[in-house]
Each structure stands twice: as C-alpha cells, then as structure tokens.
Amino acid sequence: NGTLRKGAQVIRVETPGPSMHEVDIFR
C-alpha cells in the first residue's frame, strides 16, 4: 500500500496471514 521511491524509505510490515510469513528484498 503506497509507492516505494528512491532514497531512504520506511516500510511498515504487517502479517494478516493467517500463516507465518517473511519478506526478503532483492535488487
């Protein structure tokens, strides 16, 4: 929800799930 932009960015991570999840960011 929202658009990531160039530079320092803050991401609020929520897990509605219902399972456990993780996120890795790759360039």
mmCIF file of all heavy atoms, coordinates in Angstrom:
data_MODEL
# 
_entry.id   MODEL 
# 
loop_
_atom_site.group_PDB 
_atom_site.id 
_atom_site.type_symbol 
_atom_site.label_atom_id 
_atom_site.label_alt_id 
_atom_site.label_comp_id 
_atom_site.label_asym_id 
_atom_site.label_entity_id 
_atom_site.label_seq_id 
_atom_site.pdbx_PDB_ins_code 
_atom_site.Cartn_x 
_atom_site.Cartn_y 
_atom_site.Cartn_z 
_atom_site.occupancy 
_atom_site.B_iso_or_equiv 
_atom_site.pdbx_formal_charge 
_atom_site.auth_seq_id 
_atom_site.auth_comp_id 
_atom_site.auth_asym_id 
_atom_site.auth_atom_id 
_atom_site.pdbx_PDB_model_num 
ATOM 1   N N   . ASN A 1 1  ? 0.845  -1.185  0.000  1.00 0.00 ? 1  ASN A N   1 
ATOM 2   C CA  . ASN A 1 1  ? 0.000  0.000   0.000  1.00 0.00 ? 1  ASN A CA  1 
ATOM 3   C C   . ASN A 1 1  ? 0.884  1.241   0.000  1.00 0.00 ? 1  ASN A C   1 
ATOM 4   O O   . ASN A 1 1  ? 1.521  1.569   1.005  1.00 0.00 ? 1  ASN A O   1 
ATOM 5   C CB  . ASN A 1 1  ? -0.918 0.012   1.229  1.00 0.00 ? 1  ASN A CB  1 
ATOM 6   C CG  . ASN A 1 1  ? -1.864 -1.173  1.245  1.00 0.00 ? 1  ASN A CG  1 
ATOM 7   O OD1 . ASN A 1 1  ? -2.292 -1.644  0.191  1.00 0.00 ? 1  ASN A OD1 1 
ATOM 8   N ND2 . ASN A 1 1  ? -2.193 -1.671  2.429  1.00 0.00 ? 1  ASN A ND2 1 
ATOM 9   N N   . GLY A 1 2  ? 0.932  1.907   -1.149 1.00 0.00 ? 2  GLY A N   1 
ATOM 10  C CA  . GLY A 1 2  ? 1.812  3.047   -1.313 1.00 0.00 ? 2  GLY A CA  1 
ATOM 11  C C   . GLY A 1 2  ? 2.887  2.717   -2.339 1.00 0.00 ? 2  GLY A C   1 
ATOM 12  O O   . GLY A 1 2  ? 2.986  1.585   -2.830 1.00 0.00 ? 2  GLY A O   1 
ATOM 13  N N   . THR A 1 3  ? 3.696  3.697   -2.669 1.00 0.00 ? 3  THR A N   1 
ATOM 14  C CA  . THR A 1 3  ? 4.733  3.526   -3.686 1.00 0.00 ? 3  THR A CA  1 
ATOM 15  C C   . THR A 1 3  ? 6.106  3.772   -3.082 1.00 0.00 ? 3  THR A C   1 
ATOM 16  O O   . THR A 1 3  ? 6.352  4.841   -2.513 1.00 0.00 ? 3  THR A O   1 
ATOM 17  C CB  . THR A 1 3  ? 4.509  4.493   -4.861 1.00 0.00 ? 3  THR A CB  1 
ATOM 18  O OG1 . THR A 1 3  ? 3.205  4.263   -5.418 1.00 0.00 ? 3  THR A OG1 1 
ATOM 19  C CG2 . THR A 1 3  ? 5.557  4.292   -5.937 1.00 0.00 ? 3  THR A CG2 1 
ATOM 20  N N   . LEU A 1 4  ? 6.988  2.791   -3.189 1.00 0.00 ? 4  LEU A N   1 
ATOM 21  C CA  . LEU A 1 4  ? 8.366  2.963   -2.737 1.00 0.00 ? 4  LEU A CA  1 
ATOM 22  C C   . LEU A 1 4  ? 9.115  3.835   -3.734 1.00 0.00 ? 4  LEU A C   1 
ATOM 23  O O   . LEU A 1 4  ? 8.959  3.684   -4.951 1.00 0.00 ? 4  LEU A O   1 
ATOM 24  C CB  . LEU A 1 4  ? 9.047  1.605   -2.598 1.00 0.00 ? 4  LEU A CB  1 
ATOM 25  C CG  . LEU A 1 4  ? 8.626  0.778   -1.375 1.00 0.00 ? 4  LEU A CG  1 
ATOM 26  C CD1 . LEU A 1 4  ? 9.112  -0.651  -1.502 1.00 0.00 ? 4  LEU A CD1 1 
ATOM 27  C CD2 . LEU A 1 4  ? 9.159  1.414   -0.096 1.00 0.00 ? 4  LEU A CD2 1 
ATOM 28  N N   . ARG A 1 5  ? 9.947  4.726   -3.200 1.00 0.00 ? 5  ARG A N   1 
ATOM 29  C CA  . ARG A 1 5  ? 10.666 5.683   -4.031 1.00 0.00 ? 5  ARG A CA  1 
ATOM 30  C C   . ARG A 1 5  ? 12.171 5.612   -3.771 1.00 0.00 ? 5  ARG A C   1 
ATOM 31  O O   . ARG A 1 5  ? 12.613 4.953   -2.834 1.00 0.00 ? 5  ARG A O   1 
ATOM 32  C CB  . ARG A 1 5  ? 10.145 7.098   -3.762 1.00 0.00 ? 5  ARG A CB  1 
ATOM 33  C CG  . ARG A 1 5  ? 8.637  7.229   -3.936 1.00 0.00 ? 5  ARG A CG  1 
ATOM 34  C CD  . ARG A 1 5  ? 8.148  8.630   -3.679 1.00 0.00 ? 5  ARG A CD  1 
ATOM 35  N NE  . ARG A 1 5  ? 6.682  8.683   -3.671 1.00 0.00 ? 5  ARG A NE  1 
ATOM 36  C CZ  . ARG A 1 5  ? 5.910  8.696   -4.738 1.00 0.00 ? 5  ARG A CZ  1 
ATOM 37  N NH1 . ARG A 1 5  ? 6.477  8.665   -5.943 1.00 0.00 ? 5  ARG A NH1 1 
ATOM 38  N NH2 . ARG A 1 5  ? 4.593  8.745   -4.640 1.00 0.00 ? 5  ARG A NH2 1 
ATOM 39  N N   . LYS A 1 6  ? 12.911 6.296   -4.603 1.00 0.00 ? 6  LYS A N   1 
ATOM 40  C CA  . LYS A 1 6  ? 14.362 6.369   -4.442 1.00 0.00 ? 6  LYS A CA  1 
ATOM 41  C C   . LYS A 1 6  ? 14.709 7.056   -3.123 1.00 0.00 ? 6  LYS A C   1 
ATOM 42  O O   . LYS A 1 6  ? 14.047 7.993   -2.703 1.00 0.00 ? 6  LYS A O   1 
ATOM 43  C CB  . LYS A 1 6  ? 14.964 7.140   -5.620 1.00 0.00 ? 6  LYS A CB  1 
ATOM 44  C CG  . LYS A 1 6  ? 16.478 7.250   -5.586 1.00 0.00 ? 6  LYS A CG  1 
ATOM 45  C CD  . LYS A 1 6  ? 17.021 7.958   -6.813 1.00 0.00 ? 6  LYS A CD  1 
ATOM 46  C CE  . LYS A 1 6  ? 16.651 9.427   -6.802 1.00 0.00 ? 6  LYS A CE  1 
ATOM 47  N NZ  . LYS A 1 6  ? 17.332 10.170  -7.904 1.00 0.00 ? 6  LYS A NZ  1 
ATOM 48  N N   . GLY A 1 7  ? 15.768 6.549   -2.471 1.00 0.00 ? 7  GLY A N   1 
ATOM 49  C CA  . GLY A 1 7  ? 16.220 7.143   -1.223 1.00 0.00 ? 7  GLY A CA  1 
ATOM 50  C C   . GLY A 1 7  ? 15.803 6.314   -0.018 1.00 0.00 ? 7  GLY A C   1 
ATOM 51  O O   . GLY A 1 7  ? 15.346 5.176   -0.146 1.00 0.00 ? 7  GLY A O   1 
ATOM 52  N N   . ALA A 1 8  ? 15.968 6.879   1.170  1.00 0.00 ? 8  ALA A N   1 
ATOM 53  C CA  . ALA A 1 8  ? 15.607 6.186   2.407  1.00 0.00 ? 8  ALA A CA  1 
ATOM 54  C C   . ALA A 1 8  ? 14.094 6.048   2.508  1.00 0.00 ? 8  ALA A C   1 
ATOM 55  O O   . ALA A 1 8  ? 13.366 7.028   2.367  1.00 0.00 ? 8  ALA A O   1 
ATOM 56  C CB  . ALA A 1 8  ? 16.158 6.941   3.607  1.00 0.00 ? 8  ALA A CB  1 
ATOM 57  N N   . GLN A 1 9  ? 13.630 4.824   2.744  1.00 0.00 ? 9  GLN A N   1 
ATOM 58  C CA  . GLN A 1 9  ? 12.201 4.541   2.843  1.00 0.00 ? 9  GLN A CA  1 
ATOM 59  C C   . GLN A 1 9  ? 11.938 3.675   4.073  1.00 0.00 ? 9  GLN A C   1 
ATOM 60  O O   . GLN A 1 9  ? 12.747 2.816   4.426  1.00 0.00 ? 9  GLN A O   1 
ATOM 61  C CB  . GLN A 1 9  ? 11.698 3.810   1.596  1.00 0.00 ? 9  GLN A CB  1 
ATOM 62  C CG  . GLN A 1 9  ? 11.849 4.601   0.295  1.00 0.00 ? 9  GLN A CG  1 
ATOM 63  C CD  . GLN A 1 9  ? 10.755 5.626   0.126  1.00 0.00 ? 9  GLN A CD  1 
ATOM 64  O OE1 . GLN A 1 9  ? 9.655  5.330   -0.324 1.00 0.00 ? 9  GLN A OE1 1 
ATOM 65  N NE2 . GLN A 1 9  ? 11.049 6.873   0.489  1.00 0.00 ? 9  GLN A NE2 1 
ATOM 66  N N   . VAL A 1 10 ? 10.796 3.920   4.703  1.00 0.00 ? 10 VAL A N   1 
ATOM 67  C CA  . VAL A 1 10 ? 10.379 3.130   5.865  1.00 0.00 ? 10 VAL A CA  1 
ATOM 68  C C   . VAL A 1 10 ? 9.162  2.304   5.479  1.00 0.00 ? 10 VAL A C   1 
ATOM 69  O O   . VAL A 1 10 ? 8.164  2.839   4.977  1.00 0.00 ? 10 VAL A O   1 
ATOM 70  C CB  . VAL A 1 10 ? 10.049 4.030   7.075  1.00 0.00 ? 10 VAL A CB  1 
ATOM 71  C CG1 . VAL A 1 10 ? 9.536  3.186   8.244  1.00 0.00 ? 10 VAL A CG1 1 
ATOM 72  C CG2 . VAL A 1 10 ? 11.281 4.828   7.494  1.00 0.00 ? 10 VAL A CG2 1 
ATOM 73  N N   . ILE A 1 11 ? 9.268  0.994   5.708  1.00 0.00 ? 11 ILE A N   1 
ATOM 74  C CA  . ILE A 1 11 ? 8.183  0.064   5.376  1.00 0.00 ? 11 ILE A CA  1 
ATOM 75  C C   . ILE A 1 11 ? 7.613  -0.502  6.672  1.00 0.00 ? 11 ILE A C   1 
ATOM 76  O O   . ILE A 1 11 ? 8.340  -1.078  7.488  1.00 0.00 ? 11 ILE A O   1 
ATOM 77  C CB  . ILE A 1 11 ? 8.696  -1.088  4.499  1.00 0.00 ? 11 ILE A CB  1 
ATOM 78  C CG1 . ILE A 1 11 ? 9.393  -0.549  3.245  1.00 0.00 ? 11 ILE A CG1 1 
ATOM 79  C CG2 . ILE A 1 11 ? 7.551  -2.023  4.114  1.00 0.00 ? 11 ILE A CG2 1 
ATOM 80  C CD1 . ILE A 1 11 ? 10.110 -1.632  2.435  1.00 0.00 ? 11 ILE A CD1 1 
ATOM 81  N N   . ARG A 1 12 ? 6.323  -0.315  6.868  1.00 0.00 ? 12 ARG A N   1 
ATOM 82  C CA  . ARG A 1 12 ? 5.621  -0.933  7.995  1.00 0.00 ? 12 ARG A CA  1 
ATOM 83  C C   . ARG A 1 12 ? 5.127  -2.299  7.524  1.00 0.00 ? 12 ARG A C   1 
ATOM 84  O O   . ARG A 1 12 ? 4.357  -2.388  6.558  1.00 0.00 ? 12 ARG A O   1 
ATOM 85  C CB  . ARG A 1 12 ? 4.449  -0.058  8.445  1.00 0.00 ? 12 ARG A CB  1 
ATOM 86  C CG  . ARG A 1 12 ? 3.592  -0.678  9.563  1.00 0.00 ? 12 ARG A CG  1 
ATOM 87  C CD  . ARG A 1 12 ? 2.389  0.209   9.838  1.00 0.00 ? 12 ARG A CD  1 
ATOM 88  N NE  . ARG A 1 12 ? 1.398  -0.482  10.634 1.00 0.00 ? 12 ARG A NE  1 
ATOM 89  C CZ  . ARG A 1 12 ? 1.126  -0.185  11.915 1.00 0.00 ? 12 ARG A CZ  1 
ATOM 90  N NH1 . ARG A 1 12 ? 1.785  0.806   12.514 1.00 0.00 ? 12 ARG A NH1 1 
ATOM 91  N NH2 . ARG A 1 12 ? 0.212  -0.855  12.581 1.00 0.00 ? 12 ARG A NH2 1 
ATOM 92  N N   . VAL A 1 13 ? 5.591  -3.364  8.179  1.00 0.00 ? 13 VAL A N   1 
ATOM 93  C CA  . VAL A 1 13 ? 5.278  -4.726  7.747  1.00 0.00 ? 13 VAL A CA  1 
ATOM 94  C C   . VAL A 1 13 ? 4.247  -5.342  8.693  1.00 0.00 ? 13 VAL A C   1 
ATOM 95  O O   . VAL A 1 13 ? 4.464  -5.429  9.908  1.00 0.00 ? 13 VAL A O   1 
ATOM 96  C CB  . VAL A 1 13 ? 6.550  -5.601  7.704  1.00 0.00 ? 13 VAL A CB  1 
ATOM 97  C CG1 . VAL A 1 13 ? 6.206  -7.005  7.224  1.00 0.00 ? 13 VAL A CG1 1 
ATOM 98  C CG2 . VAL A 1 13 ? 7.603  -4.967  6.788  1.00 0.00 ? 13 VAL A CG2 1 
ATOM 99  N N   . GLU A 1 14 ? 3.134  -5.765  8.123  1.00 0.00 ? 14 GLU A N   1 
ATOM 100 C CA  . GLU A 1 14 ? 2.066  -6.423  8.874  1.00 0.00 ? 14 GLU A CA  1 
ATOM 101 C C   . GLU A 1 14 ? 1.826  -7.810  8.288  1.00 0.00 ? 14 GLU A C   1 
ATOM 102 O O   . GLU A 1 14 ? 2.056  -8.034  7.098  1.00 0.00 ? 14 GLU A O   1 
ATOM 103 C CB  . GLU A 1 14 ? 0.781  -5.594  8.808  1.00 0.00 ? 14 GLU A CB  1 
ATOM 104 C CG  . GLU A 1 14 ? 0.928  -4.175  9.332  1.00 0.00 ? 14 GLU A CG  1 
ATOM 105 C CD  . GLU A 1 14 ? -0.330 -3.344  9.135  1.00 0.00 ? 14 GLU A CD  1 
ATOM 106 O OE1 . GLU A 1 14 ? -1.324 -3.879  8.574  1.00 0.00 ? 14 GLU A OE1 1 
ATOM 107 O OE2 . GLU A 1 14 ? -0.325 -2.160  9.515  1.00 0.00 ? 14 GLU A OE2 1 
ATOM 108 N N   . THR A 1 15 ? 1.333  -8.739  9.127  1.00 0.00 ? 15 THR A N   1 
ATOM 109 C CA  . THR A 1 15 ? 1.082  -10.104 8.666  1.00 0.00 ? 15 THR A CA  1 
ATOM 110 C C   . THR A 1 15 ? -0.361 -10.502 8.954  1.00 0.00 ? 15 THR A C   1 
ATOM 111 O O   . THR A 1 15 ? -0.655 -11.115 9.989  1.00 0.00 ? 15 THR A O   1 
ATOM 112 C CB  . THR A 1 15 ? 2.044  -11.101 9.342  1.00 0.00 ? 15 THR A CB  1 
ATOM 113 O OG1 . THR A 1 15 ? 3.386  -10.652 9.179  1.00 0.00 ? 15 THR A OG1 1 
ATOM 114 C CG2 . THR A 1 15 ? 1.922  -12.490 8.728  1.00 0.00 ? 15 THR A CG2 1 
ATOM 115 N N   . PRO A 1 16 ? -1.288 -10.154 8.048  1.00 0.00 ? 16 PRO A N   1 
ATOM 116 C CA  . PRO A 1 16 ? -2.661 -10.625 8.214  1.00 0.00 ? 16 PRO A CA  1 
ATOM 117 C C   . PRO A 1 16 ? -2.754 -12.142 8.103  1.00 0.00 ? 16 PRO A C   1 
ATOM 118 O O   . PRO A 1 16 ? -3.704 -12.760 8.575  1.00 0.00 ? 16 PRO A O   1 
ATOM 119 C CB  . PRO A 1 16 ? -3.418 -9.920  7.076  1.00 0.00 ? 16 PRO A CB  1 
ATOM 120 C CG  . PRO A 1 16 ? -2.559 -8.745  6.720  1.00 0.00 ? 16 PRO A CG  1 
ATOM 121 C CD  . PRO A 1 16 ? -1.155 -9.226  6.918  1.00 0.00 ? 16 PRO A CD  1 
ATOM 122 N N   . GLY A 1 17 ? -1.756 -12.747 7.417  1.00 0.00 ? 17 GLY A N   1 
ATOM 123 C CA  . GLY A 1 17 ? -1.654 -14.205 7.345  1.00 0.00 ? 17 GLY A CA  1 
ATOM 124 C C   . GLY A 1 17 ? -2.798 -14.897 6.633  1.00 0.00 ? 17 GLY A C   1 
ATOM 125 O O   . GLY A 1 17 ? -3.155 -14.527 5.541  1.00 0.00 ? 17 GLY A O   1 
ATOM 126 N N   . PRO A 1 18 ? -3.343 -15.919 7.305  1.00 0.00 ? 18 PRO A N   1 
ATOM 127 C CA  . PRO A 1 18 ? -3.159 -16.282 8.718  1.00 0.00 ? 18 PRO A CA  1 
ATOM 128 C C   . PRO A 1 18 ? -1.871 -17.049 9.029  1.00 0.00 ? 18 PRO A C   1 
ATOM 129 O O   . PRO A 1 18 ? -1.568 -17.278 10.193 1.00 0.00 ? 18 PRO A O   1 
ATOM 130 C CB  . PRO A 1 18 ? -4.380 -17.151 9.012  1.00 0.00 ? 18 PRO A CB  1 
ATOM 131 C CG  . PRO A 1 18 ? -4.712 -17.776 7.697  1.00 0.00 ? 18 PRO A CG  1 
ATOM 132 C CD  . PRO A 1 18 ? -4.387 -16.742 6.658  1.00 0.00 ? 18 PRO A CD  1 
ATOM 133 N N   . SER A 1 19 ? -1.106 -17.444 8.030  1.00 0.00 ? 19 SER A N   1 
ATOM 134 C CA  . SER A 1 19 ? 0.129  -18.184 8.285  1.00 0.00 ? 19 SER A CA  1 
ATOM 135 C C   . SER A 1 19 ? 1.272  -17.230 8.621  1.00 0.00 ? 19 SER A C   1 
ATOM 136 O O   . SER A 1 19 ? 1.195  -16.021 8.373  1.00 0.00 ? 19 SER A O   1 
ATOM 137 C CB  . SER A 1 19 ? 0.509  -19.016 7.051  1.00 0.00 ? 19 SER A CB  1 
ATOM 138 O OG  . SER A 1 19 ? -0.515 -19.909 6.697  1.00 0.00 ? 19 SER A OG  1 
ATOM 139 N N   . MET A 1 20 ? 2.354  -17.771 9.171  1.00 0.00 ? 20 MET A N   1 
ATOM 140 C CA  . MET A 1 20 ? 3.582  -17.013 9.371  1.00 0.00 ? 20 MET A CA  1 
ATOM 141 C C   . MET A 1 20 ? 4.223  -16.750 8.016  1.00 0.00 ? 20 MET A C   1 
ATOM 142 O O   . MET A 1 20 ? 4.217  -17.607 7.139  1.00 0.00 ? 20 MET A O   1 
ATOM 143 C CB  . MET A 1 20 ? 4.545  -17.796 10.268 1.00 0.00 ? 20 MET A CB  1 
ATOM 144 C CG  . MET A 1 20 ? 4.068  -18.001 11.693 1.00 0.00 ? 20 MET A CG  1 
ATOM 145 S SD  . MET A 1 20 ? 4.988  -19.306 12.563 1.00 0.00 ? 20 MET A SD  1 
ATOM 146 C CE  . MET A 1 20 ? 6.670  -18.700 12.459 1.00 0.00 ? 20 MET A CE  1 
ATOM 147 N N   . HIS A 1 21 ? 4.792  -15.561 7.860  1.00 0.00 ? 21 HIS A N   1 
ATOM 148 C CA  . HIS A 1 21 ? 5.462  -15.205 6.610  1.00 0.00 ? 21 HIS A CA  1 
ATOM 149 C C   . HIS A 1 21 ? 6.705  -14.386 6.907  1.00 0.00 ? 21 HIS A C   1 
ATOM 150 O O   . HIS A 1 21 ? 6.900  -13.887 8.020  1.00 0.00 ? 21 HIS A O   1 
ATOM 151 C CB  . HIS A 1 21 ? 4.536  -14.399 5.696  1.00 0.00 ? 21 HIS A CB  1 
ATOM 152 C CG  . HIS A 1 21 ? 3.339  -15.154 5.225  1.00 0.00 ? 21 HIS A CG  1 
ATOM 153 N ND1 . HIS A 1 21 ? 3.422  -16.217 4.356  1.00 0.00 ? 21 HIS A ND1 1 
ATOM 154 C CD2 . HIS A 1 21 ? 2.019  -15.011 5.515  1.00 0.00 ? 21 HIS A CD2 1 
ATOM 155 C CE1 . HIS A 1 21 ? 2.209  -16.694 4.120  1.00 0.00 ? 21 HIS A CE1 1 
ATOM 156 N NE2 . HIS A 1 21 ? 1.346  -15.980 4.815  1.00 0.00 ? 21 HIS A NE2 1 
ATOM 157 N N   . GLU A 1 22 ? 7.534  -14.226 5.883  1.00 0.00 ? 22 GLU A N   1 
ATOM 158 C CA  . GLU A 1 22 ? 8.691  -13.344 5.953  1.00 0.00 ? 22 GLU A CA  1 
ATOM 159 C C   . GLU A 1 22 ? 8.825  -12.649 4.609  1.00 0.00 ? 22 GLU A C   1 
ATOM 160 O O   . GLU A 1 22 ? 8.158  -13.023 3.633  1.00 0.00 ? 22 GLU A O   1 
ATOM 161 C CB  . GLU A 1 22 ? 9.971  -14.131 6.275  1.00 0.00 ? 22 GLU A CB  1 
ATOM 162 C CG  . GLU A 1 22 ? 10.366 -15.132 5.199  1.00 0.00 ? 22 GLU A CG  1 
ATOM 163 C CD  . GLU A 1 22 ? 11.564 -15.987 5.599  1.00 0.00 ? 22 GLU A CD  1 
ATOM 164 O OE1 . GLU A 1 22 ? 11.868 -16.055 6.805  1.00 0.00 ? 22 GLU A OE1 1 
ATOM 165 O OE2 . GLU A 1 22 ? 12.191 -16.574 4.698  1.00 0.00 ? 22 GLU A OE2 1 
ATOM 166 N N   . VAL A 1 23 ? 9.669  -11.639 4.554  1.00 0.00 ? 23 VAL A N   1 
ATOM 167 C CA  . VAL A 1 23 ? 9.911  -10.976 3.279  1.00 0.00 ? 23 VAL A CA  1 
ATOM 168 C C   . VAL A 1 23 ? 11.383 -10.638 3.159  1.00 0.00 ? 23 VAL A C   1 
ATOM 169 O O   . VAL A 1 23 ? 11.970 -10.023 4.052  1.00 0.00 ? 23 VAL A O   1 
ATOM 170 C CB  . VAL A 1 23 ? 9.046  -9.699  3.118  1.00 0.00 ? 23 VAL A CB  1 
ATOM 171 C CG1 . VAL A 1 23 ? 9.261  -8.717  4.269  1.00 0.00 ? 23 VAL A CG1 1 
ATOM 172 C CG2 . VAL A 1 23 ? 9.338  -9.021  1.777  1.00 0.00 ? 23 VAL A CG2 1 
ATOM 173 N N   . ASP A 1 24 ? 11.992 -11.086 2.076  1.00 0.00 ? 24 ASP A N   1 
ATOM 174 C CA  . ASP A 1 24 ? 13.349 -10.694 1.707  1.00 0.00 ? 24 ASP A CA  1 
ATOM 175 C C   . ASP A 1 24 ? 13.238 -9.775  0.502  1.00 0.00 ? 24 ASP A C   1 
ATOM 176 O O   . ASP A 1 24 ? 12.432 -10.009 -0.408 1.00 0.00 ? 24 ASP A O   1 
ATOM 177 C CB  . ASP A 1 24 ? 14.205 -11.917 1.360  1.00 0.00 ? 24 ASP A CB  1 
ATOM 178 C CG  . ASP A 1 24 ? 14.583 -12.728 2.587  1.00 0.00 ? 24 ASP A CG  1 
ATOM 179 O OD1 . ASP A 1 24 ? 15.106 -12.130 3.546  1.00 0.00 ? 24 ASP A OD1 1 
ATOM 180 O OD2 . ASP A 1 24 ? 14.346 -13.952 2.588  1.00 0.00 ? 24 ASP A OD2 1 
ATOM 181 N N   . ILE A 1 25 ? 14.068 -8.735  0.485  1.00 0.00 ? 25 ILE A N   1 
ATOM 182 C CA  . ILE A 1 25 ? 14.078 -7.785  -0.624 1.00 0.00 ? 25 ILE A CA  1 
ATOM 183 C C   . ILE A 1 25 ? 15.345 -8.008  -1.440 1.00 0.00 ? 25 ILE A C   1 
ATOM 184 O O   . ILE A 1 25 ? 16.456 -7.966  -0.901 1.00 0.00 ? 25 ILE A O   1 
ATOM 185 C CB  . ILE A 1 25 ? 14.025 -6.336  -0.107 1.00 0.00 ? 25 ILE A CB  1 
ATOM 186 C CG1 . ILE A 1 25 ? 12.793 -6.135  0.791  1.00 0.00 ? 25 ILE A CG1 1 
ATOM 187 C CG2 . ILE A 1 25 ? 13.994 -5.363  -1.282 1.00 0.00 ? 25 ILE A CG2 1 
ATOM 188 C CD1 . ILE A 1 25 ? 12.760 -4.779  1.468  1.00 0.00 ? 25 ILE A CD1 1 
ATOM 189 N N   . PHE A 1 26 ? 15.178 -8.251  -2.725 1.00 0.00 ? 26 PHE A N   1 
ATOM 190 C CA  . PHE A 1 26 ? 16.309 -8.458  -3.632 1.00 0.00 ? 26 PHE A CA  1 
ATOM 191 C C   . PHE A 1 26 ? 16.289 -7.374  -4.713 1.00 0.00 ? 26 PHE A C   1 
ATOM 192 O O   . PHE A 1 26 ? 15.221 -7.020  -5.226 1.00 0.00 ? 26 PHE A O   1 
ATOM 193 C CB  . PHE A 1 26 ? 16.232 -9.823  -4.310 1.00 0.00 ? 26 PHE A CB  1 
ATOM 194 C CG  . PHE A 1 26 ? 16.442 -10.988 -3.383 1.00 0.00 ? 26 PHE A CG  1 
ATOM 195 C CD1 . PHE A 1 26 ? 15.359 -11.629 -2.790 1.00 0.00 ? 26 PHE A CD1 1 
ATOM 196 C CD2 . PHE A 1 26 ? 17.718 -11.455 -3.104 1.00 0.00 ? 26 PHE A CD2 1 
ATOM 197 C CE1 . PHE A 1 26 ? 15.546 -12.708 -1.940 1.00 0.00 ? 26 PHE A CE1 1 
ATOM 198 C CE2 . PHE A 1 26 ? 17.916 -12.533 -2.252 1.00 0.00 ? 26 PHE A CE2 1 
ATOM 199 C CZ  . PHE A 1 26 ? 16.831 -13.165 -1.665 1.00 0.00 ? 26 PHE A CZ  1 
ATOM 200 N N   . ARG A 1 27 ? 17.466 -6.897  -5.064 1.00 0.00 ? 27 ARG A N   1 
ATOM 201 C CA  . ARG A 1 27 ? 17.598 -5.982  -6.199 1.00 0.00 ? 27 ARG A CA  1 
ATOM 202 C C   . ARG A 1 27 ? 18.171 -6.782  -7.369 1.00 0.00 ? 27 ARG A C   1 
ATOM 203 O O   . ARG A 1 27 ? 19.296 -7.280  -7.317 1.00 0.00 ? 27 ARG A O   1 
ATOM 204 C CB  . ARG A 1 27 ? 18.519 -4.809  -5.874 1.00 0.00 ? 27 ARG A CB  1 
ATOM 205 C CG  . ARG A 1 27 ? 18.563 -3.751  -6.984 1.00 0.00 ? 27 ARG A CG  1 
ATOM 206 C CD  . ARG A 1 27 ? 19.446 -2.559  -6.568 1.00 0.00 ? 27 ARG A CD  1 
ATOM 207 N NE  . ARG A 1 27 ? 19.330 -1.460  -7.518 1.00 0.00 ? 27 ARG A NE  1 
ATOM 208 C CZ  . ARG A 1 27 ? 20.042 -1.351  -8.630 1.00 0.00 ? 27 ARG A CZ  1 
ATOM 209 N NH1 . ARG A 1 27 ? 20.940 -2.279  -8.935 1.00 0.00 ? 27 ARG A NH1 1 
ATOM 210 N NH2 . ARG A 1 27 ? 19.872 -0.332  -9.437 1.00 0.00 ? 27 ARG A NH2 1 
# 
